[in-house]
Amino acid sequence: MIHYFDDIVQPGVTSTRDPLINQRVGVFPNPANDQLNFDFRGTNPSTMVISDLTGRQIFQQRGITSNTLDISGFAPGVYFVTLRDKDNQIISTKKVIKQ
């Protein structure tokens, strides 16, 4: 039997205020090669931060204007995508795999 663990807690990252909001945000494909697509499903993120497994921030974007992100320059590995609202509250943190 295979078990998948998607709700990984990263040190220093708090959970969302409403766990249902986290479930409404979609990131695909996962794993991804060159591009990530986002389905914000009614949320309104203003900042996106991508960090690696050590917590090192490798990408940040303020003023999100697109539902896609080019990740072709990222090294293969596991990353966390954290979306925050205008009050800097975490909307969602998703684990993504770059092939």
PDB file of N, CA and C in Angstrom:
ATOM      1  N   MET A   1       0.836  -1.170   0.000  1.00  0.00           N
ATOM      2  CA  MET A   1       0.000   0.000   0.000  1.00  0.00           C
ATOM      3  C   MET A   1       0.889   1.245   0.000  1.00  0.00           C
ATOM      4  N   ILE A   2       0.550   2.231  -0.799  1.00  0.00           N
ATOM      5  CA  ILE A   2       1.294   3.481  -0.877  1.00  0.00           C
ATOM      6  C   ILE A   2       0.560   4.543  -0.067  1.00  0.00           C
ATOM      7  N   HIS A   3       1.326   5.315   0.723  1.00  0.00           N
ATOM      8  CA  HIS A   3       0.765   6.414   1.503  1.00  0.00           C
ATOM      9  C   HIS A   3       1.400   7.715   1.028  1.00  0.00           C
ATOM     10  N   TYR A   4       0.581   8.726   0.820  1.00  0.00           N
ATOM     11  CA  TYR A   4       1.063  10.039   0.422  1.00  0.00           C
ATOM     12  C   TYR A   4       0.851  11.010   1.575  1.00  0.00           C
ATOM     13  N   PHE A   5       1.868  11.777   1.887  1.00  0.00           N
ATOM     14  CA  PHE A   5       1.791  12.747   2.971  1.00  0.00           C
ATOM     15  C   PHE A   5       1.883  14.138   2.370  1.00  0.00           C
ATOM     16  N   ASP A   6       0.740  14.800   2.222  1.00  0.00           N
ATOM     17  CA  ASP A   6       0.696  16.114   1.591  1.00  0.00           C
ATOM     18  C   ASP A   6       0.606  17.256   2.586  1.00  0.00           C
ATOM     19  N   ASP A   7       0.236  16.982   3.807  1.00  0.00           N
ATOM     20  CA  ASP A   7       0.084  18.038   4.798  1.00  0.00           C
ATOM     21  C   ASP A   7       1.336  18.120   5.658  1.00  0.00           C
ATOM     22  N   ILE A   8       2.442  18.468   5.031  1.00  0.00           N
ATOM     23  CA  ILE A   8       3.719  18.562   5.716  1.00  0.00           C
ATOM     24  C   ILE A   8       3.801  19.922   6.402  1.00  0.00           C
ATOM     25  N   VAL A   9       4.271  19.908   7.633  1.00  0.00           N
ATOM     26  CA  VAL A   9       4.442  21.150   8.380  1.00  0.00           C
ATOM     27  C   VAL A   9       5.895  21.552   8.273  1.00  0.00           C
ATOM     28  N   GLN A  10       6.126  22.776   7.856  1.00  0.00           N
ATOM     29  CA  GLN A  10       7.460  23.306   7.693  1.00  0.00           C
ATOM     30  C   GLN A  10       7.779  24.174   8.903  1.00  0.00           C
ATOM     31  N   PRO A  11       8.953  24.023   9.527  1.00  0.00           N
ATOM     32  CA  PRO A  11       9.283  24.843  10.691  1.00  0.00           C
ATOM     33  C   PRO A  11       9.164  26.329  10.384  1.00  0.00           C
ATOM     34  N   GLY A  12       8.533  27.058  11.285  1.00  0.00           N
ATOM     35  CA  GLY A  12       8.389  28.497  11.113  1.00  0.00           C
ATOM     36  C   GLY A  12       7.209  28.906  10.266  1.00  0.00           C
ATOM     37  N   VAL A  13       6.480  27.949   9.723  1.00  0.00           N
ATOM     38  CA  VAL A  13       5.316  28.257   8.897  1.00  0.00           C
ATOM     39  C   VAL A  13       4.068  27.862   9.667  1.00  0.00           C
ATOM     40  N   THR A  14       3.205  28.826   9.898  1.00  0.00           N
ATOM     41  CA  THR A  14       1.977  28.521  10.617  1.00  0.00           C
ATOM     42  C   THR A  14       0.919  28.056   9.644  1.00  0.00           C
ATOM     43  N   SER A  15      -0.077  27.391  10.146  1.00  0.00           N
ATOM     44  CA  SER A  15      -1.143  26.910   9.282  1.00  0.00           C
ATOM     45  C   SER A  15      -2.077  28.058   8.907  1.00  0.00           C
ATOM     46  N   THR A  16      -2.953  27.780   7.993  1.00  0.00           N
ATOM     47  CA  THR A  16      -3.913  28.788   7.567  1.00  0.00           C
ATOM     48  C   THR A  16      -4.969  28.987   8.633  1.00  0.00           C
ATOM     49  N   ARG A  17      -5.611  30.145   8.600  1.00  0.00           N
ATOM     50  CA  ARG A  17      -6.677  30.441   9.551  1.00  0.00           C
ATOM     51  C   ARG A  17      -7.864  29.513   9.339  1.00  0.00           C
ATOM     52  N   ASP A  18      -8.139  29.180   8.119  1.00  0.00           N
ATOM     53  CA  ASP A  18      -9.282  28.347   7.787  1.00  0.00           C
ATOM     54  C   ASP A  18      -8.797  27.193   6.910  1.00  0.00           C
ATOM     55  N   PRO A  19      -8.744  25.961   7.450  1.00  0.00           N
ATOM     56  CA  PRO A  19      -8.230  24.845   6.649  1.00  0.00           C
ATOM     57  C   PRO A  19      -8.993  24.618   5.355  1.00  0.00           C
ATOM     58  N   LEU A  20     -10.257  25.021   5.281  1.00  0.00           N
ATOM     59  CA  LEU A  20     -11.023  24.844   4.048  1.00  0.00           C
ATOM     60  C   LEU A  20     -10.504  25.729   2.931  1.00  0.00           C
ATOM     61  N   ILE A  21      -9.967  26.910   3.274  1.00  0.00           N
ATOM     62  CA  ILE A  21      -9.377  27.773   2.249  1.00  0.00           C
ATOM     63  C   ILE A  21      -8.192  27.068   1.621  1.00  0.00           C
ATOM     64  N   ASN A  22      -7.353  26.441   2.427  1.00  0.00           N
ATOM     65  CA  ASN A  22      -6.186  25.729   1.913  1.00  0.00           C
ATOM     66  C   ASN A  22      -6.605  24.651   0.925  1.00  0.00           C
ATOM     67  N   GLN A  23      -7.713  23.981   1.173  1.00  0.00           N
ATOM     68  CA  GLN A  23      -8.192  22.943   0.274  1.00  0.00           C
ATOM     69  C   GLN A  23      -8.738  23.509  -1.027  1.00  0.00           C
ATOM     70  N   ARG A  24      -9.184  24.755  -1.026  1.00  0.00           N
ATOM     71  CA  ARG A  24      -9.752  25.345  -2.243  1.00  0.00           C
ATOM     72  C   ARG A  24      -8.681  25.757  -3.237  1.00  0.00           C
ATOM     73  N   VAL A  25      -7.464  25.986  -2.803  1.00  0.00           N
ATOM     74  CA  VAL A  25      -6.393  26.409  -3.700  1.00  0.00           C
ATOM     75  C   VAL A  25      -5.816  25.167  -4.369  1.00  0.00           C
ATOM     76  N   GLY A  26      -5.712  25.210  -5.701  1.00  0.00           N
ATOM     77  CA  GLY A  26      -5.166  24.085  -6.444  1.00  0.00           C
ATOM     78  C   GLY A  26      -3.870  24.451  -7.137  1.00  0.00           C
ATOM     79  N   VAL A  27      -2.897  23.534  -7.137  1.00  0.00           N
ATOM     80  CA  VAL A  27      -1.629  23.710  -7.840  1.00  0.00           C
ATOM     81  C   VAL A  27      -1.429  22.457  -8.686  1.00  0.00           C
ATOM     82  N   PHE A  28      -1.215  22.646  -9.973  1.00  0.00           N
ATOM     83  CA  PHE A  28      -1.074  21.505 -10.882  1.00  0.00           C
ATOM     84  C   PHE A  28      -0.228  21.886 -12.075  1.00  0.00           C
ATOM     85  N   PRO A  29       0.370  20.977 -12.815  1.00  0.00           N
ATOM     86  CA  PRO A  29       0.493  19.569 -12.469  1.00  0.00           C
ATOM     87  C   PRO A  29       1.467  19.406 -11.299  1.00  0.00           C
ATOM     88  N   ASN A  30       1.374  18.314 -10.637  1.00  0.00           N
ATOM     89  CA  ASN A  30       2.263  18.045  -9.521  1.00  0.00           C
ATOM     90  C   ASN A  30       2.531  16.551  -9.495  1.00  0.00           C
ATOM     91  N   PRO A  31       3.698  16.119  -9.911  1.00  0.00           N
ATOM     92  CA  PRO A  31       4.916  16.864 -10.186  1.00  0.00           C
ATOM     93  C   PRO A  31       4.850  17.651 -11.496  1.00  0.00           C
ATOM     94  N   ALA A  32       5.717  18.669 -11.568  1.00  0.00           N
ATOM     95  CA  ALA A  32       5.743  19.562 -12.730  1.00  0.00           C
ATOM     96  C   ALA A  32       7.144  19.606 -13.325  1.00  0.00           C
ATOM     97  N   ASN A  33       7.195  19.953 -14.607  1.00  0.00           N
ATOM     98  CA  ASN A  33       8.483  20.091 -15.285  1.00  0.00           C
ATOM     99  C   ASN A  33       8.857  21.553 -15.494  1.00  0.00           C
ATOM    100  N   ASP A  34       8.027  22.285 -16.210  1.00  0.00           N
ATOM    101  CA  ASP A  34       8.376  23.641 -16.616  1.00  0.00           C
ATOM    102  C   ASP A  34       7.433  24.716 -16.105  1.00  0.00           C
ATOM    103  N   GLN A  35       6.199  24.356 -15.789  1.00  0.00           N
ATOM    104  CA  GLN A  35       5.202  25.361 -15.445  1.00  0.00           C
ATOM    105  C   GLN A  35       4.261  24.848 -14.368  1.00  0.00           C
ATOM    106  N   LEU A  36       3.931  25.737 -13.421  1.00  0.00           N
ATOM    107  CA  LEU A  36       2.899  25.449 -12.433  1.00  0.00           C
ATOM    108  C   LEU A  36       1.668  26.259 -12.769  1.00  0.00           C
ATOM    109  N   ASN A  37       0.520  25.674 -12.615  1.00  0.00           N
ATOM    110  CA  ASN A  37      -0.754  26.360 -12.809  1.00  0.00           C
ATOM    111  C   ASN A  37      -1.465  26.428 -11.468  1.00  0.00           C
ATOM    112  N   PHE A  38      -2.148  27.529 -11.232  1.00  0.00           N
ATOM    113  CA  PHE A  38      -2.840  27.742  -9.969  1.00  0.00           C
ATOM    114  C   PHE A  38      -4.321  27.945 -10.206  1.00  0.00           C
ATOM    115  N   ASP A  39      -5.118  27.358  -9.332  1.00  0.00           N
ATOM    116  CA  ASP A  39      -6.554  27.600  -9.303  1.00  0.00           C
ATOM    117  C   ASP A  39      -6.848  28.191  -7.931  1.00  0.00           C
ATOM    118  N   PHE A  40      -7.018  29.498  -7.885  1.00  0.00           N
ATOM    119  CA  PHE A  40      -7.183  30.202  -6.614  1.00  0.00           C
ATOM    120  C   PHE A  40      -8.584  30.042  -6.039  1.00  0.00           C
ATOM    121  N   ARG A  41      -9.545  29.590  -6.838  1.00  0.00           N
ATOM    122  CA  ARG A  41     -10.897  29.234  -6.398  1.00  0.00           C
ATOM    123  C   ARG A  41     -11.517  30.240  -5.430  1.00  0.00           C
ATOM    124  N   GLY A  42     -11.520  31.485  -5.817  1.00  0.00           N
ATOM    125  CA  GLY A  42     -12.195  32.501  -5.015  1.00  0.00           C
ATOM    126  C   GLY A  42     -11.334  33.139  -3.951  1.00  0.00           C
ATOM    127  N   THR A  43     -10.107  32.673  -3.754  1.00  0.00           N
ATOM    128  CA  THR A  43      -9.212  33.338  -2.813  1.00  0.00           C
ATOM    129  C   THR A  43      -8.541  34.496  -3.535  1.00  0.00           C
ATOM    130  N   ASN A  44      -7.932  35.388  -2.795  1.00  0.00           N
ATOM    131  CA  ASN A  44      -7.317  36.559  -3.399  1.00  0.00           C
ATOM    132  C   ASN A  44      -5.893  36.734  -2.873  1.00  0.00           C
ATOM    133  N   PRO A  45      -4.946  35.871  -3.314  1.00  0.00           N
ATOM    134  CA  PRO A  45      -3.578  35.999  -2.813  1.00  0.00           C
ATOM    135  C   PRO A  45      -2.893  37.243  -3.366  1.00  0.00           C
ATOM    136  N   SER A  46      -2.069  37.863  -2.533  1.00  0.00           N
ATOM    137  CA  SER A  46      -1.326  39.028  -2.998  1.00  0.00           C
ATOM    138  C   SER A  46       0.173  38.755  -3.058  1.00  0.00           C
ATOM    139  N   THR A  47       0.634  37.707  -2.373  1.00  0.00           N
ATOM    140  CA  THR A  47       2.051  37.367  -2.377  1.00  0.00           C
ATOM    141  C   THR A  47       2.221  35.856  -2.495  1.00  0.00           C
ATOM    142  N   MET A  48       3.211  35.456  -3.296  1.00  0.00           N
ATOM    143  CA  MET A  48       3.572  34.046  -3.425  1.00  0.00           C
ATOM    144  C   MET A  48       5.040  33.909  -3.058  1.00  0.00           C
ATOM    145  N   VAL A  49       5.332  32.957  -2.178  1.00  0.00           N
ATOM    146  CA  VAL A  49       6.710  32.661  -1.793  1.00  0.00           C
ATOM    147  C   VAL A  49       6.939  31.181  -2.031  1.00  0.00           C
ATOM    148  N   ILE A  50       8.071  30.862  -2.667  1.00  0.00           N
ATOM    149  CA  ILE A  50       8.448  29.469  -2.868  1.00  0.00           C
ATOM    150  C   ILE A  50       9.745  29.236  -2.116  1.00  0.00           C
ATOM    151  N   SER A  51       9.737  28.184  -1.294  1.00  0.00           N
ATOM    152  CA  SER A  51      10.926  27.849  -0.520  1.00  0.00           C
ATOM    153  C   SER A  51      11.267  26.378  -0.722  1.00  0.00           C
ATOM    154  N   ASP A  52      12.532  26.050  -0.450  1.00  0.00           N
ATOM    155  CA  ASP A  52      12.954  24.663  -0.580  1.00  0.00           C
ATOM    156  C   ASP A  52      12.747  23.933   0.743  1.00  0.00           C
ATOM    157  N   LEU A  53      13.184  22.693   0.814  1.00  0.00           N
ATOM    158  CA  LEU A  53      12.959  21.882   2.013  1.00  0.00           C
ATOM    159  C   LEU A  53      13.675  22.423   3.247  1.00  0.00           C
ATOM    160  N   THR A  54      14.727  23.202   3.053  1.00  0.00           N
ATOM    161  CA  THR A  54      15.446  23.765   4.194  1.00  0.00           C
ATOM    162  C   THR A  54      14.796  25.055   4.695  1.00  0.00           C
ATOM    163  N   GLY A  55      13.773  25.526   3.983  1.00  0.00           N
ATOM    164  CA  GLY A  55      13.112  26.774   4.353  1.00  0.00           C
ATOM    165  C   GLY A  55      13.692  27.990   3.663  1.00  0.00           C
ATOM    166  N   ARG A  56      14.711  27.789   2.829  1.00  0.00           N
ATOM    167  CA  ARG A  56      15.333  28.899   2.106  1.00  0.00           C
ATOM    168  C   ARG A  56      14.387  29.392   1.027  1.00  0.00           C
ATOM    169  N   GLN A  57      14.114  30.689   1.049  1.00  0.00           N
ATOM    170  CA  GLN A  57      13.231  31.292   0.046  1.00  0.00           C
ATOM    171  C   GLN A  57      13.976  31.399  -1.272  1.00  0.00           C
ATOM    172  N   ILE A  58      13.384  30.832  -2.327  1.00  0.00           N
ATOM    173  CA  ILE A  58      14.046  30.882  -3.634  1.00  0.00           C
ATOM    174  C   ILE A  58      13.295  31.748  -4.640  1.00  0.00           C
ATOM    175  N   PHE A  59      12.059  32.111  -4.313  1.00  0.00           N
ATOM    176  CA  PHE A  59      11.257  32.926  -5.226  1.00  0.00           C
ATOM    177  C   PHE A  59      10.209  33.674  -4.416  1.00  0.00           C
ATOM    178  N   GLN A  60       9.975  34.939  -4.808  1.00  0.00           N
ATOM    179  CA  GLN A  60       8.888  35.703  -4.210  1.00  0.00           C
ATOM    180  C   GLN A  60       8.274  36.600  -5.275  1.00  0.00           C
ATOM    181  N   GLN A  61       6.954  36.659  -5.270  1.00  0.00           N
ATOM    182  CA  GLN A  61       6.234  37.531  -6.195  1.00  0.00           C
ATOM    183  C   GLN A  61       5.137  38.260  -5.433  1.00  0.00           C
ATOM    184  N   ARG A  62       5.127  39.561  -5.548  1.00  0.00           N
ATOM    185  CA  ARG A  62       4.060  40.380  -4.958  1.00  0.00           C
ATOM    186  C   ARG A  62       3.160  40.846  -6.087  1.00  0.00           C
ATOM    187  N   GLY A  63       1.889  41.008  -5.792  1.00  0.00           N
ATOM    188  CA  GLY A  63       0.955  41.434  -6.833  1.00  0.00           C
ATOM    189  C   GLY A  63       0.756  40.356  -7.870  1.00  0.00           C
ATOM    190  N   ILE A  64       0.162  39.266  -7.484  1.00  0.00           N
ATOM    191  CA  ILE A  64      -0.034  38.123  -8.383  1.00  0.00           C
ATOM    192  C   ILE A  64      -1.031  38.498  -9.474  1.00  0.00           C
ATOM    193  N   THR A  65      -0.578  38.393 -10.727  1.00  0.00           N
ATOM    194  CA  THR A  65      -1.414  38.785 -11.855  1.00  0.00           C
ATOM    195  C   THR A  65      -1.678  37.638 -12.817  1.00  0.00           C
ATOM    196  N   SER A  66      -1.077  36.471 -12.545  1.00  0.00           N
ATOM    197  CA  SER A  66      -1.211  35.350 -13.467  1.00  0.00           C
ATOM    198  C   SER A  66      -1.494  34.069 -12.684  1.00  0.00           C
ATOM    199  N   ASN A  67      -2.118  33.120 -13.354  1.00  0.00           N
ATOM    200  CA  ASN A  67      -2.385  31.814 -12.753  1.00  0.00           C
ATOM    201  C   ASN A  67      -1.335  30.781 -13.135  1.00  0.00           C
ATOM    202  N   THR A  68      -0.245  31.229 -13.767  1.00  0.00           N
ATOM    203  CA  THR A  68       0.828  30.317 -14.153  1.00  0.00           C
ATOM    204  C   THR A  68       2.161  30.855 -13.668  1.00  0.00           C
ATOM    205  N   LEU A  69       3.113  29.946 -13.483  1.00  0.00           N
ATOM    206  CA  LEU A  69       4.460  30.324 -13.069  1.00  0.00           C
ATOM    207  C   LEU A  69       5.457  29.427 -13.780  1.00  0.00           C
ATOM    208  N   ASP A  70       6.447  30.039 -14.431  1.00  0.00           N
ATOM    209  CA  ASP A  70       7.514  29.305 -15.105  1.00  0.00           C
ATOM    210  C   ASP A  70       8.517  28.836 -14.047  1.00  0.00           C
ATOM    211  N   ILE A  71       8.664  27.518 -13.912  1.00  0.00           N
ATOM    212  CA  ILE A  71       9.617  26.961 -12.954  1.00  0.00           C
ATOM    213  C   ILE A  71      10.736  26.201 -13.665  1.00  0.00           C
ATOM    214  N   SER A  72      10.908  26.442 -14.948  1.00  0.00           N
ATOM    215  CA  SER A  72      11.910  25.708 -15.727  1.00  0.00           C
ATOM    216  C   SER A  72      13.323  25.933 -15.198  1.00  0.00           C
ATOM    217  N   GLY A  73      13.582  27.063 -14.544  1.00  0.00           N
ATOM    218  CA  GLY A  73      14.904  27.352 -14.003  1.00  0.00           C
ATOM    219  C   GLY A  73      15.144  26.790 -12.613  1.00  0.00           C
ATOM    220  N   PHE A  74      14.140  26.184 -12.000  1.00  0.00           N
ATOM    221  CA  PHE A  74      14.287  25.602 -10.666  1.00  0.00           C
ATOM    222  C   PHE A  74      14.996  24.251 -10.786  1.00  0.00           C
ATOM    223  N   ALA A  75      15.818  23.939  -9.818  1.00  0.00           N
ATOM    224  CA  ALA A  75      16.453  22.620  -9.760  1.00  0.00           C
ATOM    225  C   ALA A  75      15.393  21.579  -9.398  1.00  0.00           C
ATOM    226  N   PRO A  76      15.538  20.352  -9.877  1.00  0.00           N
ATOM    227  CA  PRO A  76      14.594  19.305  -9.470  1.00  0.00           C
ATOM    228  C   PRO A  76      14.597  19.147  -7.951  1.00  0.00           C
ATOM    229  N   GLY A  77      13.408  18.959  -7.388  1.00  0.00           N
ATOM    230  CA  GLY A  77      13.317  18.780  -5.947  1.00  0.00           C
ATOM    231  C   GLY A  77      11.927  19.073  -5.436  1.00  0.00           C
ATOM    232  N   VAL A  78      11.814  19.168  -4.110  1.00  0.00           N
ATOM    233  CA  VAL A  78      10.554  19.422  -3.435  1.00  0.00           C
ATOM    234  C   VAL A  78      10.556  20.870  -2.955  1.00  0.00           C
ATOM    235  N   TYR A  79       9.443  21.559  -3.192  1.00  0.00           N
ATOM    236  CA  TYR A  79       9.306  22.960  -2.817  1.00  0.00           C
ATOM    237  C   TYR A  79       7.967  23.182  -2.120  1.00  0.00           C
ATOM    238  N   PHE A  80       7.888  24.277  -1.389  1.00  0.00           N
ATOM    239  CA  PHE A  80       6.632  24.694  -0.767  1.00  0.00           C
ATOM    240  C   PHE A  80       6.225  26.035  -1.365  1.00  0.00           C
ATOM    241  N   VAL A  81       4.987  26.106  -1.828  1.00  0.00           N
ATOM    242  CA  VAL A  81       4.424  27.345  -2.361  1.00  0.00           C
ATOM    243  C   VAL A  81       3.487  27.890  -1.290  1.00  0.00           C
ATOM    244  N   THR A  82       3.796  29.080  -0.788  1.00  0.00           N
ATOM    245  CA  THR A  82       2.970  29.712   0.235  1.00  0.00           C
ATOM    246  C   THR A  82       2.324  30.949  -0.359  1.00  0.00           C
ATOM    247  N   LEU A  83       1.008  31.022  -0.257  1.00  0.00           N
ATOM    248  CA  LEU A  83       0.246  32.175  -0.733  1.00  0.00           C
ATOM    249  C   LEU A  83      -0.251  32.955   0.479  1.00  0.00           C
ATOM    250  N   ARG A  84      -0.086  34.276   0.426  1.00  0.00           N
ATOM    251  CA  ARG A  84      -0.521  35.146   1.518  1.00  0.00           C
ATOM    252  C   ARG A  84      -1.491  36.194   0.985  1.00  0.00           C
ATOM    253  N   ASP A  85      -2.388  36.653   1.872  1.00  0.00           N
ATOM    254  CA  ASP A  85      -3.332  37.690   1.485  1.00  0.00           C
ATOM    255  C   ASP A  85      -2.727  39.075   1.734  1.00  0.00           C
ATOM    256  N   LYS A  86      -3.513  40.110   1.487  1.00  0.00           N
ATOM    257  CA  LYS A  86      -3.019  41.491   1.609  1.00  0.00           C
ATOM    258  C   LYS A  86      -2.610  41.849   3.038  1.00  0.00           C
ATOM    259  N   ASP A  87      -3.127  41.103   4.041  1.00  0.00           N
ATOM    260  CA  ASP A  87      -2.769  41.321   5.438  1.00  0.00           C
ATOM    261  C   ASP A  87      -1.609  40.436   5.873  1.00  0.00           C
ATOM    262  N   ASN A  88      -0.949  39.787   4.910  1.00  0.00           N
ATOM    263  CA  ASN A  88       0.188  38.904   5.121  1.00  0.00           C
ATOM    264  C   ASN A  88      -0.184  37.630   5.882  1.00  0.00           C
ATOM    265  N   GLN A  89      -1.456  37.273   5.888  1.00  0.00           N
ATOM    266  CA  GLN A  89      -1.914  36.030   6.496  1.00  0.00           C
ATOM    267  C   GLN A  89      -1.801  34.908   5.467  1.00  0.00           C
ATOM    268  N   ILE A  90      -1.374  33.746   5.906  1.00  0.00           N
ATOM    269  CA  ILE A  90      -1.232  32.610   4.995  1.00  0.00           C
ATOM    270  C   ILE A  90      -2.606  32.130   4.540  1.00  0.00           C
ATOM    271  N   ILE A  91      -2.771  32.067   3.225  1.00  0.00           N
ATOM    272  CA  ILE A  91      -3.980  31.495   2.632  1.00  0.00           C
ATOM    273  C   ILE A  91      -3.779  30.005   2.431  1.00  0.00           C
ATOM    274  N   SER A  92      -2.602  29.641   1.924  1.00  0.00           N
ATOM    275  CA  SER A  92      -2.360  28.246   1.579  1.00  0.00           C
ATOM    276  C   SER A  92      -0.866  27.969   1.497  1.00  0.00           C
ATOM    277  N   THR A  93      -0.480  26.777   1.891  1.00  0.00           N
ATOM    278  CA  THR A  93       0.874  26.282   1.656  1.00  0.00           C
ATOM    279  C   THR A  93       0.735  24.919   1.006  1.00  0.00           C
ATOM    280  N   LYS A  94       1.320  24.786  -0.171  1.00  0.00           N
ATOM    281  CA  LYS A  94       1.223  23.535  -0.933  1.00  0.00           C
ATOM    282  C   LYS A  94       2.625  23.009  -1.229  1.00  0.00           C
ATOM    283  N   LYS A  95       2.769  21.705  -1.146  1.00  0.00           N
ATOM    284  CA  LYS A  95       4.017  21.040  -1.522  1.00  0.00           C
ATOM    285  C   LYS A  95       3.963  20.743  -3.015  1.00  0.00           C
ATOM    286  N   VAL A  96       5.028  21.083  -3.741  1.00  0.00           N
ATOM    287  CA  VAL A  96       5.111  20.765  -5.157  1.00  0.00           C
ATOM    288  C   VAL A  96       6.447  20.090  -5.437  1.00  0.00           C
ATOM    289  N   ILE A  97       6.445  19.254  -6.447  1.00  0.00           N
ATOM    290  CA  ILE A  97       7.657  18.550  -6.862  1.00  0.00           C
ATOM    291  C   ILE A  97       8.030  19.008  -8.248  1.00  0.00           C
ATOM    292  N   LYS A  98       9.280  19.452  -8.392  1.00  0.00           N
ATOM    293  CA  LYS A  98       9.822  19.863  -9.692  1.00  0.00           C
ATOM    294  C   LYS A  98      10.665  18.705 -10.201  1.00  0.00           C
ATOM    295  N   GLN A  99      10.302  18.185 -11.381  1.00  0.00           N
ATOM    296  CA  GLN A  99      11.052  17.060 -11.959  1.00  0.00           C
ATOM    297  C   GLN A  99      12.246  17.558 -12.738  1.00  0.00           C
TER     298      GLN A  99
END
